[in-house]
N, C-alpha and C. Protein backbone atom coordinates (compact mmCIF):
# COMPACT_ATOMS: atom_id res chain seq x y z
N MET A 1 7.28 -9.69 9.52
CA MET A 1 7.45 -8.41 9.43
C MET A 1 8.86 -8.26 9.16
N ARG A 2 9.47 -9.14 8.25
CA ARG A 2 10.56 -8.92 7.66
C ARG A 2 10.10 -8.95 6.41
N SER A 3 9.02 -9.17 6.20
CA SER A 3 9.05 -9.27 4.36
C SER A 3 8.32 -7.97 4.42
N ASP A 4 7.42 -6.81 5.07
CA ASP A 4 7.40 -5.77 5.07
C ASP A 4 8.36 -5.00 4.68
N SER A 5 9.40 -4.91 5.84
CA SER A 5 10.36 -4.40 5.66
C SER A 5 11.12 -4.68 4.49
N SER A 6 11.28 -5.56 4.22
CA SER A 6 11.86 -5.61 2.77
C SER A 6 10.94 -4.83 1.73
N ALA A 7 9.94 -5.20 1.63
CA ALA A 7 8.99 -4.56 0.51
C ALA A 7 9.09 -3.01 0.71
N PHE A 8 9.54 -2.55 1.80
CA PHE A 8 9.23 -1.17 1.85
C PHE A 8 10.44 -0.89 1.31
N ARG A 9 11.50 -1.58 1.50
CA ARG A 9 12.91 -0.99 0.83
C ARG A 9 12.64 -1.28 -0.35
N GLU A 10 12.49 -2.34 -1.02
CA GLU A 10 12.17 -2.25 -2.34
C GLU A 10 11.66 -1.30 -2.79
N LEU A 11 9.88 -1.03 -2.34
CA LEU A 11 9.36 0.37 -2.57
C LEU A 11 10.13 1.34 -3.00
N ASP A 12 10.65 1.49 -1.78
CA ASP A 12 11.57 3.33 -1.41
C ASP A 12 12.65 3.31 -2.61
N THR A 13 13.14 1.94 -2.91
CA THR A 13 14.24 2.14 -4.10
C THR A 13 13.63 2.24 -5.51
N LEU A 14 12.75 1.88 -5.49
CA LEU A 14 11.73 1.56 -6.35
C LEU A 14 11.41 3.73 -6.62
N VAL A 15 10.75 4.49 -5.70
CA VAL A 15 10.36 5.36 -6.20
C VAL A 15 11.82 6.30 -6.39
N ARG A 16 12.97 6.41 -5.75
CA ARG A 16 14.47 6.94 -5.82
C ARG A 16 14.71 6.70 -7.52
N ASN A 17 14.73 5.35 -7.97
CA ASN A 17 14.94 5.59 -8.84
C ASN A 17 14.47 5.99 -9.94
N LEU A 18 12.60 5.96 -10.12
CA LEU A 18 12.04 6.74 -10.71
C LEU A 18 12.30 8.14 -10.77
N SER A 19 12.49 8.67 -9.61
CA SER A 19 12.96 10.12 -9.61
C SER A 19 13.88 10.27 -10.06
N ASP A 20 14.88 9.34 -10.07
CA ASP A 20 16.41 9.73 -10.65
C ASP A 20 15.40 9.80 -12.33
N GLN A 21 14.85 8.31 -12.49
CA GLN A 21 15.59 8.44 -14.29
C GLN A 21 14.39 9.84 -14.49
N LEU A 22 13.49 10.60 -13.96
CA LEU A 22 12.56 11.39 -14.20
C LEU A 22 13.42 12.68 -13.96
N ALA A 23 14.60 13.21 -13.09
CA ALA A 23 15.45 14.25 -13.41
C ALA A 23 16.00 14.03 -14.83
N GLY A 24 16.45 12.92 -15.12
CA GLY A 24 17.20 12.61 -16.39
C GLY A 24 16.42 12.80 -17.75
N TYR A 25 14.97 12.61 -18.10
CA TYR A 25 14.18 12.63 -18.49
C TYR A 25 13.94 14.38 -18.92
N ARG A 26 14.13 14.95 -17.88
CA ARG A 26 13.73 16.70 -18.01
C ARG A 26 15.05 17.10 -18.23
N ARG A 27 16.21 16.53 -18.23
CA ARG A 27 17.45 17.03 -18.29
C ARG A 27 17.58 17.01 -19.77
N ARG A 28 16.97 15.71 -20.39
CA ARG A 28 17.49 15.81 -21.53
C ARG A 28 15.97 16.72 -22.08
N ALA A 29 15.25 16.94 -22.16
CA ALA A 29 13.93 17.81 -22.85
C ALA A 29 14.37 18.95 -22.71
N LEU A 30 15.51 19.49 -21.33
CA LEU A 30 15.76 21.09 -21.62
C LEU A 30 16.67 21.17 -22.29
N SER A 31 17.49 20.14 -22.78
CA SER A 31 18.91 20.09 -23.49
C SER A 31 18.50 19.99 -24.76
N ALA A 32 17.10 18.95 -25.26
CA ALA A 32 16.85 19.21 -26.41
C ALA A 32 16.07 20.74 -27.03
N GLU A 33 15.83 21.06 -26.00
CA GLU A 33 14.70 22.64 -26.11
C GLU A 33 15.79 23.53 -26.34
N ALA A 34 17.44 23.23 -25.62
CA ALA A 34 18.09 24.86 -25.89
C ALA A 34 19.15 24.32 -27.38
N ARG A 35 19.22 22.99 -27.57
CA ARG A 35 19.60 22.33 -28.96
C ARG A 35 18.89 23.05 -30.20
N ALA A 36 17.45 23.03 -30.07
CA ALA A 36 16.88 23.63 -31.12
C ALA A 36 16.66 24.84 -31.16
N ARG A 37 16.76 25.31 -29.96
CA ARG A 37 16.99 27.05 -30.23
C ARG A 37 18.30 27.38 -31.07
N GLU A 38 19.53 26.71 -29.92
CA GLU A 38 20.48 26.43 -31.45
C GLU A 38 20.42 26.41 -32.77
N LEU A 39 19.59 25.44 -32.84
CA LEU A 39 19.44 25.56 -34.65
C LEU A 39 18.90 26.32 -34.89
N GLU A 40 17.78 26.50 -34.58
CA GLU A 40 17.08 28.04 -35.27
C GLU A 40 17.84 29.11 -35.56
N GLN A 41 18.59 29.37 -34.69
CA GLN A 41 19.37 30.26 -34.98
C GLN A 41 20.37 30.59 -36.22
N ILE A 42 21.17 29.09 -36.06
CA ILE A 42 22.06 28.96 -36.98
C ILE A 42 21.05 28.53 -38.52
N LEU A 43 19.96 28.22 -37.94
CA LEU A 43 18.97 28.28 -39.59
C LEU A 43 18.62 29.46 -40.06
N ALA A 44 18.64 30.46 -39.18
CA ALA A 44 18.43 31.93 -40.01
C ALA A 44 19.80 32.57 -40.37
N GLY A 45 20.92 32.00 -40.11
CA GLY A 45 22.22 32.25 -40.85
C GLY A 45 22.53 31.41 -42.30
N MET A 46 21.94 30.74 -42.18
CA MET A 46 21.93 29.73 -43.50
C MET A 46 20.61 29.33 -44.25
N ASN A 47 21.18 29.90 -46.01
CA ASN A 47 19.97 29.44 -46.65
C ASN A 47 19.92 28.14 -47.16
N GLY A 48 21.23 27.47 -47.75
CA GLY A 48 21.64 26.26 -48.57
C GLY A 48 21.15 25.31 -47.65
N LYS A 49 21.18 24.84 -45.96
CA LYS A 49 20.73 23.58 -45.78
C LYS A 49 19.40 24.01 -44.87
N LEU A 50 18.95 24.67 -45.44
CA LEU A 50 17.34 25.35 -44.66
C LEU A 50 16.77 23.44 -44.40
N ASP A 51 16.43 22.80 -45.39
CA ASP A 51 16.03 21.62 -45.14
C ASP A 51 16.40 20.56 -44.50
N GLU A 52 17.67 20.47 -44.37
CA GLU A 52 18.50 19.54 -43.49
C GLU A 52 18.15 20.15 -42.20
N VAL A 53 18.33 21.15 -41.75
CA VAL A 53 18.52 21.91 -40.46
C VAL A 53 16.94 21.53 -39.95
N ARG A 54 15.65 22.17 -40.97
CA ARG A 54 14.43 21.80 -40.45
C ARG A 54 14.24 20.22 -40.25
N GLN A 55 14.61 19.31 -40.71
CA GLN A 55 14.69 17.76 -40.20
C GLN A 55 15.23 17.87 -39.07
N GLN A 56 16.41 18.39 -38.83
CA GLN A 56 17.23 18.24 -37.70
C GLN A 56 15.85 18.96 -36.18
N VAL A 57 15.64 19.91 -36.76
CA VAL A 57 14.75 20.49 -35.92
C VAL A 57 13.81 19.36 -35.05
N GLU A 58 12.81 19.50 -36.15
CA GLU A 58 12.12 18.08 -36.10
C GLU A 58 12.08 16.95 -35.38
N ASP A 59 13.16 16.46 -35.47
CA ASP A 59 13.70 15.35 -34.91
C ASP A 59 14.02 15.53 -33.09
N LEU A 60 14.71 16.76 -33.21
CA LEU A 60 14.96 17.08 -31.86
C LEU A 60 13.49 17.35 -31.03
N GLN A 61 12.75 17.87 -31.85
CA GLN A 61 11.52 17.97 -31.19
C GLN A 61 10.43 16.67 -30.92
N GLY A 62 10.69 16.01 -32.19
CA GLY A 62 9.93 14.87 -31.56
C GLY A 62 10.44 14.07 -30.53
N GLY A 63 12.03 14.07 -30.44
CA GLY A 63 12.47 13.25 -28.86
C GLY A 63 12.36 14.06 -27.80
N ARG A 64 12.07 15.53 -28.12
CA ARG A 64 11.36 16.39 -26.70
C ARG A 64 10.19 15.61 -26.21
N ASP A 65 9.36 15.99 -27.56
CA ASP A 65 8.04 15.18 -27.09
C ASP A 65 7.90 13.71 -26.57
N ALA A 66 8.81 13.12 -27.08
CA ALA A 66 8.49 11.84 -26.17
C ALA A 66 9.13 11.93 -25.05
N ALA A 67 9.96 12.33 -25.06
CA ALA A 67 10.76 12.83 -23.70
C ALA A 67 9.57 13.21 -22.64
N VAL A 68 9.31 14.50 -23.27
CA VAL A 68 8.10 15.05 -22.23
C VAL A 68 7.25 13.90 -22.18
N LEU A 69 6.66 13.09 -22.72
CA LEU A 69 5.91 11.84 -22.90
C LEU A 69 6.30 11.08 -21.54
N GLU A 70 7.37 10.56 -21.93
CA GLU A 70 7.88 9.16 -20.94
C GLU A 70 8.40 9.82 -19.67
N MET A 71 8.48 11.02 -19.37
CA MET A 71 8.60 11.52 -17.90
C MET A 71 6.86 12.18 -17.51
N ARG A 72 5.74 12.31 -18.09
CA ARG A 72 4.96 12.43 -17.73
C ARG A 72 4.57 10.66 -17.10
N SER A 73 4.44 9.71 -18.07
CA SER A 73 4.61 8.64 -17.60
C SER A 73 4.97 8.25 -16.06
N LEU A 74 6.33 8.37 -16.14
CA LEU A 74 6.77 8.80 -15.17
C LEU A 74 6.51 9.32 -14.10
N GLN A 75 6.45 10.53 -14.19
CA GLN A 75 5.22 11.23 -12.72
C GLN A 75 4.13 10.05 -12.40
N GLY A 76 3.28 9.90 -12.98
CA GLY A 76 2.01 9.02 -12.90
C GLY A 76 3.08 7.76 -11.77
N GLN A 77 3.96 6.94 -12.61
CA GLN A 77 4.11 5.67 -11.70
C GLN A 77 5.12 6.20 -10.48
N LEU A 78 5.79 7.35 -10.44
CA LEU A 78 6.36 7.85 -8.83
C LEU A 78 4.83 8.06 -7.95
N ALA A 79 3.44 8.79 -8.38
CA ALA A 79 2.89 9.06 -7.69
C ALA A 79 2.01 8.21 -7.37
N THR A 80 1.81 6.79 -8.17
CA THR A 80 1.21 5.39 -7.53
C THR A 80 2.36 5.00 -6.83
N ALA A 81 3.28 5.14 -6.99
CA ALA A 81 4.89 3.90 -6.11
C ALA A 81 4.45 5.02 -4.91
N ARG A 82 3.96 6.33 -4.84
CA ARG A 82 3.77 7.05 -3.43
C ARG A 82 2.75 6.77 -2.77
N GLN A 83 2.12 6.44 -3.56
CA GLN A 83 0.56 6.13 -2.81
C GLN A 83 0.56 4.92 -2.31
N GLU A 84 1.74 3.80 -3.14
CA GLU A 84 1.82 2.04 -2.17
C GLU A 84 2.44 2.79 -1.29
N LEU A 85 3.57 3.60 -1.15
CA LEU A 85 4.79 3.39 -0.13
C LEU A 85 3.69 4.35 1.27
N GLN A 86 2.86 5.00 0.78
CA GLN A 86 1.97 5.43 2.31
C GLN A 86 1.24 4.33 2.69
N ARG A 87 0.66 3.08 1.72
CA ARG A 87 -0.17 2.19 2.17
C ARG A 87 0.89 1.40 2.51
N THR A 88 1.81 1.33 2.35
CA THR A 88 2.70 -0.16 2.93
C THR A 88 3.07 0.73 4.85
N GLN A 89 3.40 1.79 4.54
CA GLN A 89 3.80 2.26 5.66
C GLN A 89 2.65 2.10 6.68
N ALA A 90 1.28 2.56 6.50
CA ALA A 90 -0.02 1.61 7.38
C ALA A 90 -0.05 1.01 7.31
N ALA A 91 -0.02 -0.07 6.92
CA ALA A 91 0.02 -1.50 7.20
C ALA A 91 1.22 -1.72 7.89
N LEU A 92 2.31 -0.94 7.93
CA LEU A 92 3.48 -1.73 8.92
C LEU A 92 3.32 -1.07 10.58
N ASN A 93 2.60 0.31 10.12
CA ASN A 93 2.25 0.84 11.79
C ASN A 93 1.22 0.16 12.40
N GLU A 94 0.00 -0.19 11.37
CA GLU A 94 -1.05 -1.20 12.08
C GLU A 94 -0.61 -2.54 12.64
N ALA A 95 0.90 -3.11 11.95
CA ALA A 95 1.00 -4.30 12.16
C ALA A 95 1.97 -4.26 13.68
N LEU A 96 2.24 -2.83 13.41
CA LEU A 96 3.12 -2.79 14.68
C LEU A 96 2.82 -2.35 16.30
N SER A 97 1.49 -1.64 15.77
CA SER A 97 0.56 -1.11 16.76
C SER A 97 -0.04 -2.44 17.85
N ARG A 98 -0.31 -3.64 16.59
CA ARG A 98 -0.92 -4.69 17.07
C ARG A 98 -0.15 -5.64 17.85
N ALA A 99 0.88 -5.68 17.31
CA ALA A 99 2.57 -6.49 17.97
C ALA A 99 2.90 -5.65 19.30
N THR A 100 2.28 -4.68 19.87
CA THR A 100 2.61 -4.31 21.39
C THR A 100 2.13 -5.04 22.10
N PRO A 101 2.91 -5.08 23.53
CA PRO A 101 2.65 -5.91 24.61
C PRO A 101 1.17 -5.78 24.95
N GLU A 102 0.59 -4.19 25.02
CA GLU A 102 -0.48 -3.71 25.52
C GLU A 102 -1.42 -4.26 24.78
N ALA A 103 -0.90 -4.11 23.32
CA ALA A 103 -2.39 -4.63 22.53
C ALA A 103 -2.42 -5.92 22.33
N GLN A 104 -1.64 -7.14 23.08
CA GLN A 104 -1.63 -8.36 23.40
C GLN A 104 -2.28 -8.33 24.47
N ASP A 105 -1.84 -7.56 25.84
CA ASP A 105 -2.74 -7.45 26.93
C ASP A 105 -4.05 -7.53 27.09
N GLN A 106 -4.35 -6.45 25.86
CA GLN A 106 -6.09 -6.41 25.79
C GLN A 106 -6.39 -7.42 24.98
N ALA A 107 -5.79 -7.72 24.20
CA ALA A 107 -6.73 -9.07 23.70
C ALA A 107 -7.25 -10.11 24.47
N LEU A 108 -5.71 -10.69 24.99
CA LEU A 108 -6.23 -11.73 26.07
C LEU A 108 -7.26 -11.31 27.17
N ALA A 109 -7.25 -10.26 27.27
CA ALA A 109 -8.62 -9.31 28.94
C ALA A 109 -9.67 -9.73 28.11
N GLU A 110 -9.67 -9.59 26.53
CA GLU A 110 -11.00 -9.51 26.26
C GLU A 110 -11.27 -11.53 26.08
N GLU A 111 -10.09 -11.83 25.62
CA GLU A 111 -10.50 -13.52 25.38
C GLU A 111 -10.77 -14.10 26.66
N ASN A 112 -10.47 -13.87 27.99
CA ASN A 112 -10.61 -14.35 29.53
C ASN A 112 -12.28 -13.42 29.46
N GLN A 113 -12.46 -12.28 29.47
CA GLN A 113 -13.95 -11.89 30.03
C GLN A 113 -14.91 -12.82 28.88
N ARG A 114 -14.49 -13.13 27.88
CA ARG A 114 -15.51 -14.22 26.96
C ARG A 114 -15.97 -15.24 27.35
N LEU A 115 -14.75 -15.62 27.63
CA LEU A 115 -14.20 -17.56 28.83
C LEU A 115 -15.17 -17.24 29.82
N ARG A 116 -15.16 -16.12 30.32
CA ARG A 116 -15.63 -16.14 32.11
C ARG A 116 -17.26 -15.57 31.89
N GLN A 117 -17.43 -15.14 30.42
CA GLN A 117 -19.28 -15.06 30.18
C GLN A 117 -19.76 -16.56 30.01
N ARG A 118 -18.86 -17.69 29.10
CA ARG A 118 -18.94 -18.74 28.99
C ARG A 118 -19.14 -19.66 29.96
N LEU A 119 -18.09 -19.61 30.58
CA LEU A 119 -18.28 -20.13 31.94
C LEU A 119 -19.52 -19.95 32.81
N GLY A 120 -19.68 -18.84 33.05
CA GLY A 120 -21.23 -18.66 34.08
C GLY A 120 -22.10 -19.09 33.00
N GLU A 121 -22.37 -19.54 31.72
CA GLU A 121 -23.36 -19.23 31.11
C GLU A 121 -23.70 -21.39 31.52
N ALA A 122 -22.62 -21.66 31.73
CA ALA A 122 -22.17 -22.89 31.65
C ALA A 122 -22.90 -23.73 33.11
N ARG A 123 -22.40 -22.85 33.81
CA ARG A 123 -22.71 -22.92 35.35
C ARG A 123 -24.01 -22.90 35.54
N GLU A 124 -24.80 -21.93 34.71
CA GLU A 124 -26.21 -21.75 34.78
C GLU A 124 -27.32 -22.75 34.03
N LYS A 125 -26.40 -23.19 33.00
CA LYS A 125 -27.23 -24.92 32.63
C LYS A 125 -27.24 -25.73 33.26
N ALA A 126 -25.78 -26.09 34.06
CA ALA A 126 -25.60 -26.89 34.74
C ALA A 126 -26.65 -27.23 36.11
N GLY A 127 -26.29 -25.83 36.72
CA GLY A 127 -27.23 -26.07 37.52
C GLY A 127 -29.33 -26.07 37.53
N GLN A 128 -28.92 -25.64 36.33
CA GLN A 128 -31.04 -26.18 35.70
C GLN A 128 -31.14 -27.79 35.57
N LEU A 129 -29.71 -28.29 34.72
CA LEU A 129 -30.17 -29.63 34.25
C LEU A 129 -30.31 -30.22 35.96
N THR A 130 -29.32 -29.90 37.12
CA THR A 130 -29.60 -30.50 38.17
C THR A 130 -30.87 -30.19 38.76
N GLU A 131 -31.29 -28.78 39.04
CA GLU A 131 -32.69 -28.89 39.37
C GLU A 131 -33.61 -29.67 38.40
N ARG A 132 -33.70 -29.96 37.46
CA ARG A 132 -34.26 -31.08 36.78
C ARG A 132 -34.09 -32.47 36.99
N MET A 133 -33.27 -32.66 37.20
CA MET A 133 -33.22 -34.24 38.10
C MET A 133 -33.63 -34.80 38.81
N ARG A 134 -33.50 -33.53 40.12
CA ARG A 134 -33.79 -33.76 41.43
C ARG A 134 -35.54 -33.54 40.88
N PHE A 135 -36.17 -32.99 40.52
CA PHE A 135 -37.32 -33.09 40.15
C PHE A 135 -38.06 -34.13 39.20
N LEU A 136 -36.94 -34.72 38.32
CA LEU A 136 -37.66 -36.11 37.98
C LEU A 136 -37.31 -37.12 38.86
N ARG A 137 -36.25 -36.98 39.79
CA ARG A 137 -36.29 -38.41 40.54
C ARG A 137 -37.57 -38.19 41.51
N GLN A 138 -37.55 -36.95 41.92
CA GLN A 138 -39.40 -36.76 42.96
C GLN A 138 -40.49 -37.58 42.47
N GLN A 139 -40.08 -37.30 40.74
CA GLN A 139 -41.41 -37.95 40.10
C GLN A 139 -41.79 -39.27 39.89
N VAL A 140 -39.95 -39.63 39.92
CA VAL A 140 -40.04 -41.01 40.07
C VAL A 140 -40.02 -41.72 41.39
N SER A 141 -40.01 -41.64 41.99
CA SER A 141 -40.13 -41.69 43.69
C SER A 141 -41.37 -42.20 44.12
N LEU A 142 -41.75 -40.58 43.52
CA LEU A 142 -43.64 -40.64 44.03
C LEU A 142 -44.36 -41.68 43.17
N GLY A 143 -44.09 -41.60 41.93
CA GLY A 143 -44.64 -42.91 40.66
C GLY A 143 -44.85 -44.04 41.68
N VAL A 144 -43.62 -44.35 41.86
CA VAL A 144 -42.91 -46.20 42.53
C VAL A 144 -43.29 -46.35 43.60
N GLU A 145 -43.97 -45.19 44.38
CA GLU A 145 -44.72 -45.25 45.99
C GLU A 145 -46.10 -45.42 45.61
N ARG A 146 -46.70 -45.43 44.27
CA ARG A 146 -48.12 -45.29 44.11
C ARG A 146 -48.82 -46.78 44.01
């Protein structure tokens, strides 16, 4: 039970960290877009440094694209982590439901019923064997008298 709750806590921490990282990448992407727009405005006013500014814009857009790709990757990881969290919670709930005294009483009652049934079958077989023994003794005693 403790390993389930420690795994649950670890998974919960992982989900929170992934959410924080995702928010950070989103902020970086938005900041890169704002910077790209700013550089485009400066570029319109500058004729001499056009190539340099274009390279900076391309670099920022490349960084933005990389951040967007990483953000999407993190979103996938987050979705997977959430599914794992739900699966772990379901397993924990199932384990907890089986650990209740009512569930244990039910399991013991079912086992007692099976044992009673086996005991009844054993009594029946013992009775049959006893009847066979009587019959065989009768046959032996009749055979001895002949």
